[in-house]
């Protein structure tokens, strides 16, 4: 799977180096309108369908792995703890990471802080 480059300026309406934090907010940054606020959302249907299918398969498969480990006591060996921790990480990618990736691809959320939360969650889950 290839790496996807995210350009934050497309999602937050920022120019390079103009990210404002609470300590240095200026009136210019507080009144900047949201990008594409009047346009509709463009959805790439094949991408979205493939991401949703991957998410469904990941959630079902990893949930089954975790359930079998929890039910069958004979599987509680050191190696299997590692497999279950990987299954839990993949489950979180299916539940949180892929929906955030789809939202980022269509330009949502429009709020700066919600966008930062979604992108940072996506970054933490996928690295």
N, C-alpha and C. Protein backbone atom coordinates (compact mmCIF):
# COMPACT_ATOMS: atom_id res chain seq x y z
N UNK A 1 0.85 -1.17 0.00
CA UNK A 1 0.00 0.00 0.00
C UNK A 1 0.90 1.24 0.00
N UNK A 2 0.65 2.15 -0.90
CA UNK A 2 1.47 3.34 -1.03
C UNK A 2 1.14 4.38 0.03
N UNK A 3 2.05 5.29 0.20
CA UNK A 3 1.84 6.37 1.14
C UNK A 3 1.03 7.47 0.49
N UNK A 4 0.14 8.08 1.26
CA UNK A 4 -0.67 9.18 0.78
C UNK A 4 -0.15 10.46 1.39
N UNK A 5 0.07 11.46 0.56
CA UNK A 5 0.54 12.74 1.06
C UNK A 5 -0.67 13.60 1.36
N UNK A 6 -0.74 14.14 2.56
CA UNK A 6 -1.83 15.02 2.95
C UNK A 6 -1.35 16.46 2.91
N UNK A 7 -2.07 17.29 2.21
CA UNK A 7 -1.76 18.71 2.15
C UNK A 7 -2.74 19.42 3.07
N UNK A 8 -2.29 19.82 4.25
CA UNK A 8 -3.17 20.42 5.23
C UNK A 8 -3.78 21.72 4.74
N UNK A 9 -3.14 22.40 3.82
CA UNK A 9 -3.69 23.66 3.34
C UNK A 9 -5.00 23.42 2.61
N UNK A 10 -5.18 22.25 1.98
CA UNK A 10 -6.45 21.95 1.32
C UNK A 10 -7.58 21.75 2.32
N UNK A 11 -7.26 21.23 3.49
CA UNK A 11 -8.30 20.89 4.45
C UNK A 11 -8.61 22.03 5.42
N UNK A 12 -7.65 22.89 5.69
CA UNK A 12 -7.86 23.90 6.71
C UNK A 12 -7.79 25.32 6.18
N UNK A 13 -7.58 25.53 4.91
CA UNK A 13 -7.53 26.86 4.35
C UNK A 13 -6.33 27.65 4.83
N UNK A 14 -5.22 26.98 5.04
CA UNK A 14 -4.03 27.64 5.57
C UNK A 14 -2.96 27.72 4.51
N UNK A 15 -2.17 28.76 4.59
CA UNK A 15 -0.99 28.84 3.75
C UNK A 15 0.17 28.26 4.55
N UNK A 16 1.24 27.92 3.86
CA UNK A 16 2.39 27.33 4.54
C UNK A 16 2.91 28.27 5.61
N UNK A 17 3.06 27.76 6.81
CA UNK A 17 3.62 28.54 7.91
C UNK A 17 2.63 29.45 8.60
N UNK A 18 1.32 29.35 8.28
CA UNK A 18 0.37 30.27 8.90
C UNK A 18 -0.49 29.60 9.96
N UNK A 19 -0.08 28.46 10.45
CA UNK A 19 -0.85 27.76 11.47
C UNK A 19 -0.81 28.56 12.76
N UNK A 20 -1.98 28.87 13.28
CA UNK A 20 -2.07 29.69 14.49
C UNK A 20 -2.43 28.81 15.68
N UNK A 21 -1.76 29.00 16.77
CA UNK A 21 -2.05 28.30 18.01
C UNK A 21 -2.69 29.29 18.98
N UNK A 22 -3.36 28.80 20.04
CA UNK A 22 -4.06 29.71 20.94
C UNK A 22 -3.21 30.86 21.48
N UNK A 23 -1.92 30.67 21.61
CA UNK A 23 -1.08 31.73 22.15
C UNK A 23 -0.80 32.84 21.16
N UNK A 24 -0.94 32.58 19.85
CA UNK A 24 -0.60 33.61 18.87
C UNK A 24 -1.71 33.85 17.86
N UNK A 25 -2.97 33.71 18.27
CA UNK A 25 -4.08 33.97 17.37
C UNK A 25 -4.19 35.46 17.09
N UNK A 26 -4.34 35.78 15.84
CA UNK A 26 -4.57 37.17 15.47
C UNK A 26 -5.98 37.29 14.93
N UNK A 27 -6.45 38.49 14.79
CA UNK A 27 -7.80 38.69 14.30
C UNK A 27 -7.93 38.15 12.87
N UNK A 28 -6.86 38.21 12.09
CA UNK A 28 -6.88 37.71 10.72
C UNK A 28 -7.18 36.22 10.68
N UNK A 29 -6.58 35.46 11.60
CA UNK A 29 -6.81 34.02 11.63
C UNK A 29 -8.20 33.68 12.17
N UNK A 30 -8.73 34.50 13.03
CA UNK A 30 -10.03 34.21 13.64
C UNK A 30 -11.18 34.46 12.67
N UNK A 31 -11.01 35.34 11.71
CA UNK A 31 -12.10 35.69 10.81
C UNK A 31 -11.95 35.11 9.42
N UNK A 32 -10.98 34.24 9.19
CA UNK A 32 -10.77 33.63 7.88
C UNK A 32 -11.93 32.69 7.58
N UNK A 33 -12.60 32.86 6.42
CA UNK A 33 -13.72 31.97 6.10
C UNK A 33 -13.23 30.56 5.80
N UNK A 34 -14.11 29.60 5.96
CA UNK A 34 -13.78 28.22 5.70
C UNK A 34 -13.62 27.98 4.21
N UNK A 35 -12.69 27.11 3.81
CA UNK A 35 -12.52 26.84 2.38
C UNK A 35 -13.70 26.08 1.82
N UNK A 36 -14.07 26.39 0.59
CA UNK A 36 -15.14 25.70 -0.12
C UNK A 36 -16.45 25.66 0.66
N UNK A 37 -16.72 26.72 1.43
CA UNK A 37 -17.90 26.69 2.29
C UNK A 37 -19.20 26.70 1.50
N UNK A 38 -19.18 27.17 0.26
CA UNK A 38 -20.41 27.21 -0.52
C UNK A 38 -20.52 26.08 -1.52
N UNK A 39 -19.51 25.28 -1.69
CA UNK A 39 -19.53 24.22 -2.68
C UNK A 39 -19.97 22.89 -2.07
N UNK A 40 -20.45 21.99 -2.94
CA UNK A 40 -20.84 20.67 -2.48
C UNK A 40 -19.64 19.79 -2.22
N UNK A 41 -19.90 18.65 -1.61
CA UNK A 41 -18.83 17.71 -1.30
C UNK A 41 -18.67 16.76 -2.48
N UNK A 42 -17.43 16.57 -2.93
CA UNK A 42 -17.14 15.68 -4.04
C UNK A 42 -16.71 14.32 -3.49
N UNK A 43 -17.41 13.27 -3.88
CA UNK A 43 -17.15 11.93 -3.35
C UNK A 43 -16.60 11.05 -4.47
N UNK A 44 -15.45 10.43 -4.21
CA UNK A 44 -14.86 9.48 -5.15
C UNK A 44 -15.43 8.11 -4.82
N UNK A 45 -16.42 7.69 -5.58
CA UNK A 45 -17.19 6.48 -5.25
C UNK A 45 -16.36 5.20 -5.23
N UNK A 46 -15.52 4.90 -6.22
CA UNK A 46 -14.74 3.65 -6.14
C UNK A 46 -13.80 3.62 -4.92
N UNK A 47 -13.17 4.76 -4.62
CA UNK A 47 -12.30 4.84 -3.44
C UNK A 47 -13.09 4.59 -2.17
N UNK A 48 -14.23 5.24 -2.05
CA UNK A 48 -15.04 5.11 -0.84
C UNK A 48 -15.56 3.69 -0.66
N UNK A 49 -16.02 3.08 -1.74
CA UNK A 49 -16.52 1.70 -1.66
C UNK A 49 -15.41 0.74 -1.24
N UNK A 50 -14.22 0.91 -1.83
CA UNK A 50 -13.13 0.01 -1.47
C UNK A 50 -12.69 0.22 -0.02
N UNK A 51 -12.66 1.46 0.44
CA UNK A 51 -12.30 1.73 1.85
C UNK A 51 -13.33 1.13 2.80
N UNK A 52 -14.61 1.26 2.48
CA UNK A 52 -15.66 0.71 3.34
C UNK A 52 -15.58 -0.81 3.39
N UNK A 53 -15.32 -1.44 2.24
CA UNK A 53 -15.17 -2.90 2.23
C UNK A 53 -13.97 -3.36 3.06
N UNK A 54 -12.86 -2.66 2.94
CA UNK A 54 -11.68 -2.99 3.74
C UNK A 54 -11.98 -2.82 5.23
N UNK A 55 -12.69 -1.74 5.58
CA UNK A 55 -13.03 -1.50 6.99
C UNK A 55 -13.93 -2.60 7.54
N UNK A 56 -14.93 -3.00 6.77
CA UNK A 56 -15.85 -4.06 7.23
C UNK A 56 -15.10 -5.38 7.42
N UNK A 57 -14.28 -5.74 6.46
CA UNK A 57 -13.52 -6.99 6.56
C UNK A 57 -12.54 -6.93 7.73
N UNK A 58 -11.89 -5.78 7.91
CA UNK A 58 -10.93 -5.64 9.02
C UNK A 58 -11.62 -5.75 10.37
N UNK A 59 -12.77 -5.12 10.51
CA UNK A 59 -13.48 -5.16 11.80
C UNK A 59 -13.97 -6.57 12.09
N UNK A 60 -14.57 -7.22 11.11
CA UNK A 60 -15.10 -8.58 11.34
C UNK A 60 -13.96 -9.57 11.64
N UNK A 61 -12.92 -9.56 10.82
CA UNK A 61 -11.82 -10.51 11.01
C UNK A 61 -11.08 -10.31 12.32
N UNK A 62 -10.80 -9.07 12.67
CA UNK A 62 -10.06 -8.82 13.91
C UNK A 62 -10.93 -9.01 15.14
N UNK A 63 -12.22 -8.72 15.03
CA UNK A 63 -13.13 -8.98 16.15
C UNK A 63 -13.23 -10.49 16.41
N UNK A 64 -13.26 -11.29 15.34
CA UNK A 64 -13.27 -12.74 15.52
C UNK A 64 -11.98 -13.24 16.16
N UNK A 65 -10.86 -12.68 15.75
CA UNK A 65 -9.57 -13.08 16.34
C UNK A 65 -9.55 -12.78 17.84
N UNK A 66 -9.99 -11.60 18.22
CA UNK A 66 -10.00 -11.21 19.64
C UNK A 66 -10.99 -12.06 20.42
N UNK A 67 -12.15 -12.36 19.82
CA UNK A 67 -13.17 -13.16 20.51
C UNK A 67 -12.68 -14.58 20.75
N UNK A 68 -12.06 -15.19 19.74
CA UNK A 68 -11.55 -16.56 19.90
C UNK A 68 -10.48 -16.60 20.98
N UNK A 69 -9.62 -15.61 21.01
CA UNK A 69 -8.57 -15.55 22.03
C UNK A 69 -9.19 -15.41 23.43
N UNK A 70 -10.23 -14.61 23.55
CA UNK A 70 -10.86 -14.40 24.86
C UNK A 70 -11.63 -15.64 25.33
N UNK A 71 -12.21 -16.39 24.41
CA UNK A 71 -13.03 -17.54 24.78
C UNK A 71 -12.20 -18.78 25.05
N UNK A 72 -11.22 -19.07 24.24
CA UNK A 72 -10.44 -20.31 24.35
C UNK A 72 -9.18 -20.07 25.20
N UNK A 73 -9.15 -20.68 26.38
CA UNK A 73 -8.03 -20.47 27.30
C UNK A 73 -6.73 -21.13 26.80
N UNK A 74 -6.85 -22.14 25.95
CA UNK A 74 -5.65 -22.81 25.44
C UNK A 74 -4.83 -21.90 24.53
N UNK A 75 -5.45 -20.87 23.99
CA UNK A 75 -4.75 -19.96 23.08
C UNK A 75 -3.98 -18.85 23.81
N UNK A 76 -4.07 -18.82 25.11
CA UNK A 76 -3.41 -17.73 25.86
C UNK A 76 -1.94 -18.04 26.10
N UNK A 77 -1.19 -17.93 25.03
CA UNK A 77 0.26 -18.08 25.08
C UNK A 77 0.90 -16.75 24.71
N UNK A 78 2.17 -16.62 24.98
CA UNK A 78 2.87 -15.36 24.76
C UNK A 78 2.78 -14.89 23.31
N UNK A 79 2.96 -15.78 22.37
CA UNK A 79 2.90 -15.41 20.95
C UNK A 79 1.51 -14.91 20.57
N UNK A 80 0.49 -15.53 21.11
CA UNK A 80 -0.87 -15.14 20.77
C UNK A 80 -1.26 -13.79 21.38
N UNK A 81 -0.64 -13.41 22.50
CA UNK A 81 -0.88 -12.06 23.03
C UNK A 81 -0.41 -11.01 22.03
N UNK A 82 0.69 -11.28 21.38
CA UNK A 82 1.20 -10.37 20.35
C UNK A 82 0.24 -10.29 19.17
N UNK A 83 -0.28 -11.42 18.75
CA UNK A 83 -1.24 -11.46 17.64
C UNK A 83 -2.51 -10.70 17.99
N UNK A 84 -2.97 -10.84 19.24
CA UNK A 84 -4.18 -10.13 19.66
C UNK A 84 -3.93 -8.63 19.75
N UNK A 85 -2.75 -8.22 20.16
CA UNK A 85 -2.47 -6.79 20.20
C UNK A 85 -2.45 -6.21 18.78
N UNK A 86 -1.93 -6.96 17.81
CA UNK A 86 -1.99 -6.52 16.42
C UNK A 86 -3.42 -6.49 15.91
N UNK A 87 -4.22 -7.46 16.31
CA UNK A 87 -5.63 -7.48 15.90
C UNK A 87 -6.38 -6.30 16.48
N UNK A 88 -6.07 -5.92 17.71
CA UNK A 88 -6.72 -4.76 18.32
C UNK A 88 -6.33 -3.47 17.60
N UNK A 89 -5.06 -3.35 17.24
CA UNK A 89 -4.62 -2.17 16.49
C UNK A 89 -5.31 -2.10 15.13
N UNK A 90 -5.40 -3.24 14.44
CA UNK A 90 -6.08 -3.26 13.14
C UNK A 90 -7.57 -2.99 13.28
N UNK A 91 -8.17 -3.45 14.37
CA UNK A 91 -9.58 -3.17 14.63
C UNK A 91 -9.80 -1.67 14.78
N UNK A 92 -8.90 -1.00 15.49
CA UNK A 92 -9.02 0.45 15.64
C UNK A 92 -8.84 1.18 14.32
N UNK A 93 -7.98 0.68 13.46
CA UNK A 93 -7.83 1.28 12.13
C UNK A 93 -9.13 1.13 11.35
N UNK A 94 -9.77 -0.04 11.43
CA UNK A 94 -11.03 -0.26 10.73
C UNK A 94 -12.17 0.58 11.27
N UNK A 95 -12.18 0.79 12.59
CA UNK A 95 -13.27 1.54 13.22
C UNK A 95 -13.05 3.05 13.15
N UNK A 96 -11.83 3.50 13.37
CA UNK A 96 -11.56 4.94 13.41
C UNK A 96 -10.75 5.44 12.23
N UNK A 97 -9.70 4.74 11.87
CA UNK A 97 -8.77 5.23 10.86
C UNK A 97 -9.39 5.37 9.48
N UNK A 98 -10.07 4.36 9.01
CA UNK A 98 -10.63 4.40 7.66
C UNK A 98 -11.76 5.43 7.54
N UNK A 99 -12.69 5.53 8.52
CA UNK A 99 -13.68 6.61 8.41
C UNK A 99 -13.04 8.00 8.42
N UNK A 100 -12.01 8.22 9.23
CA UNK A 100 -11.34 9.52 9.22
C UNK A 100 -10.64 9.75 7.88
N UNK A 101 -10.10 8.70 7.26
CA UNK A 101 -9.45 8.85 5.95
C UNK A 101 -10.48 9.24 4.89
N UNK A 102 -11.65 8.65 4.94
CA UNK A 102 -12.71 8.99 3.99
C UNK A 102 -13.15 10.43 4.19
N UNK A 103 -13.34 10.83 5.45
CA UNK A 103 -13.72 12.22 5.73
C UNK A 103 -12.66 13.20 5.26
N UNK A 104 -11.40 12.87 5.47
CA UNK A 104 -10.32 13.76 5.03
C UNK A 104 -10.27 13.84 3.50
N UNK A 105 -10.59 12.74 2.82
CA UNK A 105 -10.55 12.73 1.36
C UNK A 105 -11.63 13.63 0.75
N UNK A 106 -12.75 13.77 1.44
CA UNK A 106 -13.81 14.63 0.90
C UNK A 106 -13.78 16.03 1.49
N UNK A 107 -12.82 16.30 2.37
CA UNK A 107 -12.67 17.66 2.88
C UNK A 107 -13.46 17.96 4.14
N UNK A 108 -13.84 16.95 4.86
CA UNK A 108 -14.56 17.16 6.12
C UNK A 108 -13.70 16.71 7.26
N UNK A 109 -13.83 17.15 8.42
CA UNK A 109 -14.67 18.26 8.87
C UNK A 109 -14.08 19.60 8.47
N UNK A 110 -14.89 20.63 8.46
CA UNK A 110 -14.46 21.95 8.03
C UNK A 110 -13.87 22.76 9.17
N UNK A 111 -14.20 22.42 10.38
CA UNK A 111 -13.63 23.11 11.55
C UNK A 111 -12.15 22.78 11.67
N UNK A 112 -11.35 23.78 11.96
CA UNK A 112 -9.90 23.59 12.04
C UNK A 112 -9.53 22.56 13.11
N UNK A 113 -10.11 22.67 14.30
CA UNK A 113 -9.71 21.79 15.40
C UNK A 113 -10.25 20.39 15.21
N UNK A 114 -11.43 20.25 14.65
CA UNK A 114 -11.97 18.92 14.36
C UNK A 114 -11.14 18.25 13.27
N UNK A 115 -10.70 19.03 12.29
CA UNK A 115 -9.85 18.49 11.23
C UNK A 115 -8.51 18.04 11.80
N UNK A 116 -7.91 18.85 12.67
CA UNK A 116 -6.65 18.47 13.29
C UNK A 116 -6.80 17.20 14.13
N UNK A 117 -7.92 17.08 14.85
CA UNK A 117 -8.16 15.87 15.65
C UNK A 117 -8.28 14.65 14.75
N UNK A 118 -9.04 14.77 13.67
CA UNK A 118 -9.21 13.64 12.75
C UNK A 118 -7.91 13.24 12.08
N UNK A 119 -7.15 14.21 11.61
CA UNK A 119 -5.89 13.90 10.94
C UNK A 119 -4.84 13.35 11.90
N UNK A 120 -4.80 13.87 13.12
CA UNK A 120 -3.82 13.35 14.08
C UNK A 120 -4.20 11.94 14.53
N UNK A 121 -5.50 11.66 14.67
CA UNK A 121 -5.93 10.30 14.99
C UNK A 121 -5.58 9.35 13.85
N UNK A 122 -5.81 9.79 12.63
CA UNK A 122 -5.46 9.00 11.46
C UNK A 122 -3.97 8.73 11.41
N UNK A 123 -3.18 9.73 11.70
CA UNK A 123 -1.72 9.60 11.68
C UNK A 123 -1.24 8.63 12.75
N UNK A 124 -1.81 8.72 13.96
CA UNK A 124 -1.39 7.84 15.05
C UNK A 124 -1.78 6.38 14.80
N UNK A 125 -2.94 6.16 14.20
CA UNK A 125 -3.39 4.79 13.97
C UNK A 125 -2.68 4.13 12.81
N UNK A 126 -2.25 4.91 11.84
CA UNK A 126 -1.70 4.32 10.61
C UNK A 126 -0.18 4.35 10.56
N UNK A 127 0.49 4.76 11.63
CA UNK A 127 1.96 4.75 11.62
C UNK A 127 2.48 3.84 12.71
